[in-house]
């Protein structure tokens, strides 16, 4: 049987601790981005119905309504607005759609509106961009 390399256990612990800190930092950035996006949407006349809605198999950053449109909004913050839009891949769209079906099941039956998947994109030193119908919802 071989002996573990000296200090290996400490390095593994340090890496795990670093990953946890990275996740916390990313979560904090995400919460800040969601707050900024909700303020931006309010200024544009949207009424925020929910933030951070979690359902089995998915999550919706913001549920917002304006007129007869109900938008399930994904908020993305990246180095550029283009990278932010590209980060909403098919897997993410599926998770948002699952959560949207759950939200509609709990709240949407009372609403007579059109549903769509929007995005608010954020990047450093850039004005936020609201992309209507940024992705297709599978309802």
N, C-alpha and C. Protein backbone atom coordinates (compact mmCIF):
# COMPACT_ATOMS: atom_id res chain seq x y z
N UNK A 1 0.83 -1.16 0.00
CA UNK A 1 0.00 0.00 0.00
C UNK A 1 0.89 1.24 0.00
N UNK A 2 0.55 2.22 -0.84
CA UNK A 2 1.37 3.42 -0.92
C UNK A 2 0.84 4.48 0.03
N UNK A 3 1.73 5.27 0.51
CA UNK A 3 1.35 6.36 1.41
C UNK A 3 0.86 7.54 0.57
N UNK A 4 -0.14 8.25 1.10
CA UNK A 4 -0.59 9.44 0.38
C UNK A 4 0.53 10.48 0.34
N UNK A 5 0.52 11.23 -0.73
CA UNK A 5 1.51 12.28 -0.91
C UNK A 5 1.38 13.30 0.23
N UNK A 6 2.48 13.73 0.82
CA UNK A 6 2.40 14.70 1.91
C UNK A 6 1.70 15.98 1.45
N UNK A 7 0.76 16.44 2.27
CA UNK A 7 0.05 17.67 1.96
C UNK A 7 -1.08 17.53 0.97
N UNK A 8 -1.29 16.32 0.46
CA UNK A 8 -2.33 16.12 -0.55
C UNK A 8 -3.72 16.39 0.04
N UNK A 9 -3.94 15.92 1.23
CA UNK A 9 -5.23 16.11 1.87
C UNK A 9 -5.52 17.60 2.05
N UNK A 10 -4.50 18.36 2.45
CA UNK A 10 -4.68 19.79 2.64
C UNK A 10 -5.00 20.48 1.31
N UNK A 11 -4.32 20.08 0.23
CA UNK A 11 -4.58 20.68 -1.08
C UNK A 11 -5.99 20.37 -1.54
N UNK A 12 -6.47 19.15 -1.32
CA UNK A 12 -7.83 18.77 -1.69
C UNK A 12 -8.83 19.62 -0.91
N UNK A 13 -8.57 19.80 0.39
CA UNK A 13 -9.45 20.61 1.22
C UNK A 13 -9.46 22.06 0.72
N UNK A 14 -8.27 22.59 0.37
CA UNK A 14 -8.18 23.96 -0.12
C UNK A 14 -8.94 24.13 -1.43
N UNK A 15 -8.86 23.14 -2.32
CA UNK A 15 -9.58 23.22 -3.60
C UNK A 15 -11.10 23.21 -3.36
N UNK A 16 -11.56 22.37 -2.46
CA UNK A 16 -12.99 22.30 -2.15
C UNK A 16 -13.46 23.63 -1.56
N UNK A 17 -12.66 24.19 -0.68
CA UNK A 17 -13.00 25.47 -0.06
C UNK A 17 -13.04 26.57 -1.12
N UNK A 18 -12.10 26.54 -2.04
CA UNK A 18 -12.05 27.53 -3.11
C UNK A 18 -13.27 27.42 -4.03
N UNK A 19 -13.67 26.19 -4.35
CA UNK A 19 -14.87 25.99 -5.19
C UNK A 19 -16.11 26.51 -4.49
N UNK A 20 -16.22 26.28 -3.19
CA UNK A 20 -17.36 26.78 -2.43
C UNK A 20 -17.39 28.30 -2.46
N UNK A 21 -16.24 28.92 -2.29
CA UNK A 21 -16.16 30.38 -2.34
C UNK A 21 -16.53 30.90 -3.73
N UNK A 22 -16.10 30.20 -4.77
CA UNK A 22 -16.44 30.59 -6.14
C UNK A 22 -17.95 30.51 -6.37
N UNK A 23 -18.58 29.44 -5.86
CA UNK A 23 -20.03 29.30 -6.01
C UNK A 23 -20.76 30.42 -5.27
N UNK A 24 -20.31 30.74 -4.07
CA UNK A 24 -20.94 31.83 -3.30
C UNK A 24 -20.78 33.16 -4.03
N UNK A 25 -19.60 33.41 -4.56
CA UNK A 25 -19.35 34.64 -5.30
C UNK A 25 -20.26 34.71 -6.53
N UNK A 26 -20.37 33.62 -7.26
CA UNK A 26 -21.22 33.57 -8.46
C UNK A 26 -22.68 33.78 -8.08
N UNK A 27 -23.11 33.18 -6.98
CA UNK A 27 -24.50 33.35 -6.53
C UNK A 27 -24.77 34.81 -6.18
N UNK A 28 -23.81 35.45 -5.51
CA UNK A 28 -23.96 36.86 -5.16
C UNK A 28 -24.06 37.74 -6.39
N UNK A 29 -23.22 37.47 -7.39
CA UNK A 29 -23.27 38.22 -8.65
C UNK A 29 -24.62 37.99 -9.33
N UNK A 30 -25.10 36.74 -9.29
CA UNK A 30 -26.39 36.42 -9.91
C UNK A 30 -27.54 37.15 -9.23
N UNK A 31 -27.54 37.20 -7.91
CA UNK A 31 -28.61 37.91 -7.18
C UNK A 31 -28.58 39.40 -7.49
N UNK A 32 -27.39 39.96 -7.58
CA UNK A 32 -27.27 41.38 -7.92
C UNK A 32 -27.78 41.63 -9.34
N UNK A 33 -27.43 40.74 -10.27
CA UNK A 33 -27.89 40.87 -11.65
C UNK A 33 -29.41 40.77 -11.73
N UNK A 34 -30.01 39.84 -10.98
CA UNK A 34 -31.47 39.70 -10.97
C UNK A 34 -32.14 40.95 -10.42
N UNK A 35 -31.55 41.53 -9.37
CA UNK A 35 -32.09 42.77 -8.81
C UNK A 35 -32.05 43.88 -9.85
N UNK A 36 -30.89 44.07 -10.49
CA UNK A 36 -30.76 45.11 -11.51
C UNK A 36 -31.73 44.88 -12.68
N UNK A 37 -31.88 43.63 -13.08
CA UNK A 37 -32.80 43.31 -14.18
C UNK A 37 -34.24 43.61 -13.79
N UNK A 38 -34.61 43.31 -12.56
CA UNK A 38 -36.00 43.58 -12.13
C UNK A 38 -36.26 45.09 -12.08
N UNK A 39 -35.28 45.87 -11.63
CA UNK A 39 -35.43 47.32 -11.64
C UNK A 39 -35.57 47.82 -13.07
N UNK A 40 -34.73 47.31 -13.95
CA UNK A 40 -34.76 47.70 -15.36
C UNK A 40 -36.13 47.38 -15.99
N UNK A 41 -36.66 46.20 -15.71
CA UNK A 41 -37.96 45.83 -16.26
C UNK A 41 -39.07 46.72 -15.69
N UNK A 42 -39.00 47.03 -14.41
CA UNK A 42 -40.01 47.93 -13.81
C UNK A 42 -40.01 49.29 -14.50
N UNK A 43 -38.82 49.82 -14.76
CA UNK A 43 -38.71 51.11 -15.45
C UNK A 43 -39.35 51.02 -16.83
N UNK A 44 -39.25 49.86 -17.47
CA UNK A 44 -39.85 49.67 -18.79
C UNK A 44 -41.34 49.35 -18.73
N UNK A 45 -41.93 49.36 -17.53
CA UNK A 45 -43.37 49.18 -17.40
C UNK A 45 -43.83 47.78 -17.07
N UNK A 46 -42.92 46.89 -16.74
CA UNK A 46 -43.28 45.52 -16.38
C UNK A 46 -43.60 45.43 -14.89
N UNK A 47 -44.53 44.59 -14.56
CA UNK A 47 -44.85 44.31 -13.16
C UNK A 47 -44.19 42.98 -12.80
N UNK A 48 -43.37 42.99 -11.77
CA UNK A 48 -42.66 41.78 -11.36
C UNK A 48 -43.59 40.95 -10.48
N UNK A 49 -43.88 39.72 -10.92
CA UNK A 49 -44.77 38.83 -10.16
C UNK A 49 -43.99 37.88 -9.26
N UNK A 50 -42.78 37.53 -9.68
CA UNK A 50 -41.96 36.61 -8.87
C UNK A 50 -40.50 36.77 -9.25
N UNK A 51 -39.63 36.52 -8.27
CA UNK A 51 -38.19 36.47 -8.51
C UNK A 51 -37.65 35.20 -7.87
N UNK A 52 -36.76 34.53 -8.58
CA UNK A 52 -36.12 33.34 -8.04
C UNK A 52 -37.09 32.20 -7.78
N UNK A 53 -38.04 32.00 -8.70
CA UNK A 53 -39.02 30.92 -8.55
C UNK A 53 -38.35 29.57 -8.83
N UNK A 54 -38.41 28.69 -7.84
CA UNK A 54 -37.78 27.38 -7.96
C UNK A 54 -38.86 26.31 -8.00
N UNK A 55 -38.75 25.43 -8.96
CA UNK A 55 -39.67 24.30 -9.11
C UNK A 55 -38.84 23.05 -9.34
N UNK A 56 -39.45 21.88 -9.15
CA UNK A 56 -38.70 20.65 -9.45
C UNK A 56 -38.20 20.66 -10.90
N UNK A 57 -36.91 20.54 -11.06
CA UNK A 57 -36.34 20.47 -12.40
C UNK A 57 -36.06 21.79 -13.07
N UNK A 58 -36.23 22.91 -12.37
CA UNK A 58 -35.94 24.18 -13.02
C UNK A 58 -36.11 25.38 -12.12
N UNK A 59 -35.71 26.53 -12.66
CA UNK A 59 -35.79 27.79 -11.93
C UNK A 59 -36.05 28.91 -12.92
N UNK A 60 -36.80 29.91 -12.47
CA UNK A 60 -37.06 31.11 -13.27
C UNK A 60 -36.52 32.29 -12.49
N UNK A 61 -35.69 33.09 -13.14
CA UNK A 61 -35.13 34.24 -12.45
C UNK A 61 -36.19 35.29 -12.15
N UNK A 62 -37.00 35.63 -13.15
CA UNK A 62 -38.03 36.66 -12.98
C UNK A 62 -39.28 36.26 -13.76
N UNK A 63 -40.43 36.42 -13.13
CA UNK A 63 -41.71 36.30 -13.84
C UNK A 63 -42.29 37.72 -13.84
N UNK A 64 -42.56 38.23 -15.05
CA UNK A 64 -43.02 39.62 -15.17
C UNK A 64 -44.19 39.70 -16.14
N UNK A 65 -45.06 40.71 -15.89
CA UNK A 65 -46.22 40.88 -16.75
C UNK A 65 -46.34 42.35 -17.16
N UNK A 66 -46.68 42.51 -18.43
CA UNK A 66 -47.02 43.83 -18.96
C UNK A 66 -48.15 43.62 -19.95
N UNK A 67 -49.27 44.24 -19.66
CA UNK A 67 -50.44 44.07 -20.52
C UNK A 67 -50.88 42.62 -20.52
N UNK A 68 -51.06 42.05 -21.71
CA UNK A 68 -51.50 40.65 -21.81
C UNK A 68 -50.33 39.70 -22.05
N UNK A 69 -49.10 40.14 -21.73
CA UNK A 69 -47.91 39.30 -21.92
C UNK A 69 -47.30 38.94 -20.57
N UNK A 70 -47.07 37.66 -20.38
CA UNK A 70 -46.39 37.16 -19.19
C UNK A 70 -45.05 36.60 -19.66
N UNK A 71 -43.96 37.16 -19.14
CA UNK A 71 -42.62 36.76 -19.56
C UNK A 71 -41.92 36.00 -18.44
N UNK A 72 -41.34 34.87 -18.81
CA UNK A 72 -40.46 34.12 -17.93
C UNK A 72 -39.06 34.54 -18.34
N UNK A 73 -38.41 35.31 -17.47
CA UNK A 73 -37.18 36.01 -17.84
C UNK A 73 -35.95 35.32 -17.25
N UNK A 74 -35.01 35.03 -18.11
CA UNK A 74 -33.71 34.52 -17.69
C UNK A 74 -32.75 35.70 -17.67
N UNK A 75 -32.03 35.86 -16.57
CA UNK A 75 -31.07 36.95 -16.42
C UNK A 75 -29.67 36.35 -16.55
N UNK A 76 -28.88 36.94 -17.44
CA UNK A 76 -27.52 36.45 -17.64
C UNK A 76 -26.55 37.61 -17.59
N UNK A 77 -25.49 37.45 -16.82
CA UNK A 77 -24.43 38.43 -16.71
C UNK A 77 -23.12 37.77 -17.16
N UNK A 78 -22.52 38.34 -18.19
CA UNK A 78 -21.28 37.80 -18.73
C UNK A 78 -20.37 38.96 -19.14
N UNK A 79 -19.22 38.65 -19.65
CA UNK A 79 -18.26 39.68 -20.06
C UNK A 79 -18.80 40.54 -21.19
N UNK A 80 -19.60 39.94 -22.10
CA UNK A 80 -20.24 40.69 -23.18
C UNK A 80 -21.71 40.29 -23.25
N UNK A 81 -22.51 41.14 -23.86
CA UNK A 81 -23.93 40.83 -24.02
C UNK A 81 -24.12 39.62 -24.94
N UNK A 82 -23.26 39.47 -25.93
CA UNK A 82 -23.35 38.35 -26.86
C UNK A 82 -23.09 37.03 -26.14
N UNK A 83 -22.07 37.01 -25.28
CA UNK A 83 -21.79 35.80 -24.50
C UNK A 83 -22.95 35.47 -23.56
N UNK A 84 -23.56 36.51 -23.02
CA UNK A 84 -24.70 36.30 -22.13
C UNK A 84 -25.86 35.62 -22.87
N UNK A 85 -26.16 36.08 -24.07
CA UNK A 85 -27.24 35.48 -24.86
C UNK A 85 -26.90 34.05 -25.26
N UNK A 86 -25.66 33.82 -25.64
CA UNK A 86 -25.26 32.47 -26.06
C UNK A 86 -25.29 31.47 -24.91
N UNK A 87 -25.22 31.95 -23.69
CA UNK A 87 -25.19 31.03 -22.54
C UNK A 87 -26.56 30.44 -22.21
N UNK A 88 -27.60 30.90 -22.87
CA UNK A 88 -28.94 30.31 -22.66
C UNK A 88 -29.08 29.17 -23.67
N UNK A 89 -28.54 28.03 -23.32
CA UNK A 89 -28.51 26.88 -24.22
C UNK A 89 -29.80 26.06 -24.12
N UNK A 90 -29.89 25.00 -24.91
CA UNK A 90 -31.09 24.16 -24.95
C UNK A 90 -31.40 23.55 -23.59
N UNK A 91 -30.38 23.13 -22.87
CA UNK A 91 -30.59 22.54 -21.54
C UNK A 91 -31.21 23.56 -20.58
N UNK A 92 -30.70 24.79 -20.62
CA UNK A 92 -31.23 25.86 -19.76
C UNK A 92 -32.67 26.18 -20.15
N UNK A 93 -32.94 26.22 -21.44
CA UNK A 93 -34.30 26.49 -21.91
C UNK A 93 -35.28 25.42 -21.43
N UNK A 94 -34.84 24.17 -21.43
CA UNK A 94 -35.68 23.08 -20.94
C UNK A 94 -35.99 23.25 -19.46
N UNK A 95 -34.98 23.63 -18.67
CA UNK A 95 -35.19 23.84 -17.24
C UNK A 95 -36.14 25.01 -16.98
N UNK A 96 -36.01 26.08 -17.75
CA UNK A 96 -36.91 27.22 -17.60
C UNK A 96 -38.32 26.82 -17.99
N UNK A 97 -38.47 26.04 -19.05
CA UNK A 97 -39.79 25.59 -19.49
C UNK A 97 -40.47 24.73 -18.43
N UNK A 98 -39.70 23.84 -17.79
CA UNK A 98 -40.26 23.02 -16.71
C UNK A 98 -40.79 23.89 -15.58
N UNK A 99 -39.97 24.85 -15.18
CA UNK A 99 -40.38 25.74 -14.10
C UNK A 99 -41.57 26.61 -14.52
N UNK A 100 -41.60 27.03 -15.78
CA UNK A 100 -42.72 27.84 -16.28
C UNK A 100 -44.03 27.04 -16.23
N UNK A 101 -43.97 25.77 -16.63
CA UNK A 101 -45.17 24.93 -16.54
C UNK A 101 -45.65 24.84 -15.10
N UNK A 102 -44.72 24.70 -14.17
CA UNK A 102 -45.07 24.64 -12.75
C UNK A 102 -45.71 25.96 -12.30
N UNK A 103 -45.12 27.07 -12.69
CA UNK A 103 -45.64 28.38 -12.29
C UNK A 103 -47.04 28.60 -12.86
N UNK A 104 -47.23 28.24 -14.12
CA UNK A 104 -48.54 28.40 -14.75
C UNK A 104 -49.57 27.52 -14.04
N UNK A 105 -49.17 26.29 -13.68
CA UNK A 105 -50.07 25.40 -12.96
C UNK A 105 -50.52 25.97 -11.63
N UNK A 106 -49.64 26.68 -10.97
CA UNK A 106 -49.97 27.26 -9.66
C UNK A 106 -50.64 28.62 -9.76
N UNK A 107 -50.26 29.44 -10.74
CA UNK A 107 -50.71 30.82 -10.78
C UNK A 107 -51.37 31.22 -12.10
N UNK A 108 -50.97 30.61 -13.18
CA UNK A 108 -51.33 31.09 -14.51
C UNK A 108 -52.75 30.85 -14.94
N UNK A 109 -53.44 29.94 -14.32
CA UNK A 109 -54.81 29.65 -14.76
C UNK A 109 -55.72 30.84 -14.54
N UNK A 110 -55.36 31.69 -13.58
CA UNK A 110 -56.16 32.87 -13.30
C UNK A 110 -55.85 33.99 -14.29
N UNK A 111 -54.78 33.84 -15.03
CA UNK A 111 -54.34 34.90 -15.94
C UNK A 111 -54.71 34.57 -17.38
N UNK A 112 -55.21 35.56 -18.07
CA UNK A 112 -55.50 35.41 -19.49
C UNK A 112 -54.43 36.19 -20.25
N UNK A 113 -53.37 35.49 -20.65
CA UNK A 113 -52.26 36.20 -21.28
C UNK A 113 -51.45 35.28 -22.19
N UNK A 114 -50.54 35.91 -22.92
CA UNK A 114 -49.61 35.20 -23.78
C UNK A 114 -48.32 34.97 -23.00
N UNK A 115 -47.73 33.78 -23.16
CA UNK A 115 -46.51 33.44 -22.44
C UNK A 115 -45.32 33.48 -23.40
N UNK A 116 -44.18 33.96 -22.88
CA UNK A 116 -42.98 33.96 -23.71
C UNK A 116 -41.73 33.87 -22.83
N UNK A 117 -40.63 33.47 -23.46
CA UNK A 117 -39.34 33.36 -22.78
C UNK A 117 -38.46 34.53 -23.16
N UNK A 118 -38.22 35.42 -22.23
CA UNK A 118 -37.40 36.61 -22.47
C UNK A 118 -36.06 36.47 -21.76
N UNK A 119 -35.16 37.38 -22.04
CA UNK A 119 -33.88 37.43 -21.35
C UNK A 119 -33.52 38.89 -21.08
N UNK A 120 -32.87 39.11 -19.96
CA UNK A 120 -32.23 40.39 -19.69
C UNK A 120 -30.75 40.08 -19.59
N UNK A 121 -29.98 40.75 -20.44
CA UNK A 121 -28.54 40.49 -20.55
C UNK A 121 -27.77 41.65 -19.92
N UNK A 122 -26.78 41.31 -19.13
CA UNK A 122 -25.96 42.30 -18.45
C UNK A 122 -24.48 42.05 -18.73
N UNK A 123 -23.75 43.14 -18.89
CA UNK A 123 -22.29 43.06 -19.08
C UNK A 123 -21.68 44.31 -18.47
N UNK A 124 -20.45 44.22 -18.01
CA UNK A 124 -19.82 45.39 -17.40
C UNK A 124 -19.79 46.60 -18.34
N UNK A 125 -20.14 47.73 -17.81
CA UNK A 125 -20.11 49.01 -18.51
C UNK A 125 -21.02 49.07 -19.72
N UNK A 126 -22.01 48.20 -19.75
CA UNK A 126 -23.00 48.21 -20.84
C UNK A 126 -24.38 48.39 -20.25
N UNK A 127 -25.25 49.05 -20.98
CA UNK A 127 -26.63 49.20 -20.56
C UNK A 127 -27.31 47.84 -20.70
N UNK A 128 -28.19 47.45 -19.77
CA UNK A 128 -28.86 46.14 -19.90
C UNK A 128 -29.64 46.04 -21.20
N UNK A 129 -29.77 44.83 -21.70
CA UNK A 129 -30.55 44.58 -22.91
C UNK A 129 -31.66 43.59 -22.60
N UNK A 130 -32.90 43.99 -22.89
CA UNK A 130 -34.06 43.11 -22.74
C UNK A 130 -34.35 42.52 -24.11
N UNK A 131 -34.25 41.19 -24.20
CA UNK A 131 -34.51 40.50 -25.46
C UNK A 131 -35.84 39.78 -25.34
N UNK A 132 -36.84 40.31 -26.04
CA UNK A 132 -38.17 39.67 -26.04
C UNK A 132 -38.08 38.40 -26.88
N UNK A 133 -38.74 37.36 -26.43
CA UNK A 133 -38.76 36.07 -27.11
C UNK A 133 -37.32 35.59 -27.40
N UNK A 134 -36.49 35.66 -26.41
CA UNK A 134 -35.09 35.25 -26.57
C UNK A 134 -34.97 33.75 -26.79
N UNK A 135 -35.95 33.00 -26.29
CA UNK A 135 -35.94 31.55 -26.45
C UNK A 135 -37.38 31.04 -26.44
N UNK A 136 -37.55 29.87 -27.03
CA UNK A 136 -38.86 29.23 -27.14
C UNK A 136 -39.18 28.47 -25.85
N UNK A 137 -40.37 28.67 -25.35
CA UNK A 137 -40.82 27.91 -24.18
C UNK A 137 -41.54 26.65 -24.64
N UNK A 138 -41.30 25.54 -23.99
CA UNK A 138 -41.99 24.30 -24.26
C UNK A 138 -43.05 24.10 -23.19
N UNK A 139 -44.22 24.69 -23.44
CA UNK A 139 -45.30 24.62 -22.45
C UNK A 139 -46.27 23.52 -22.83
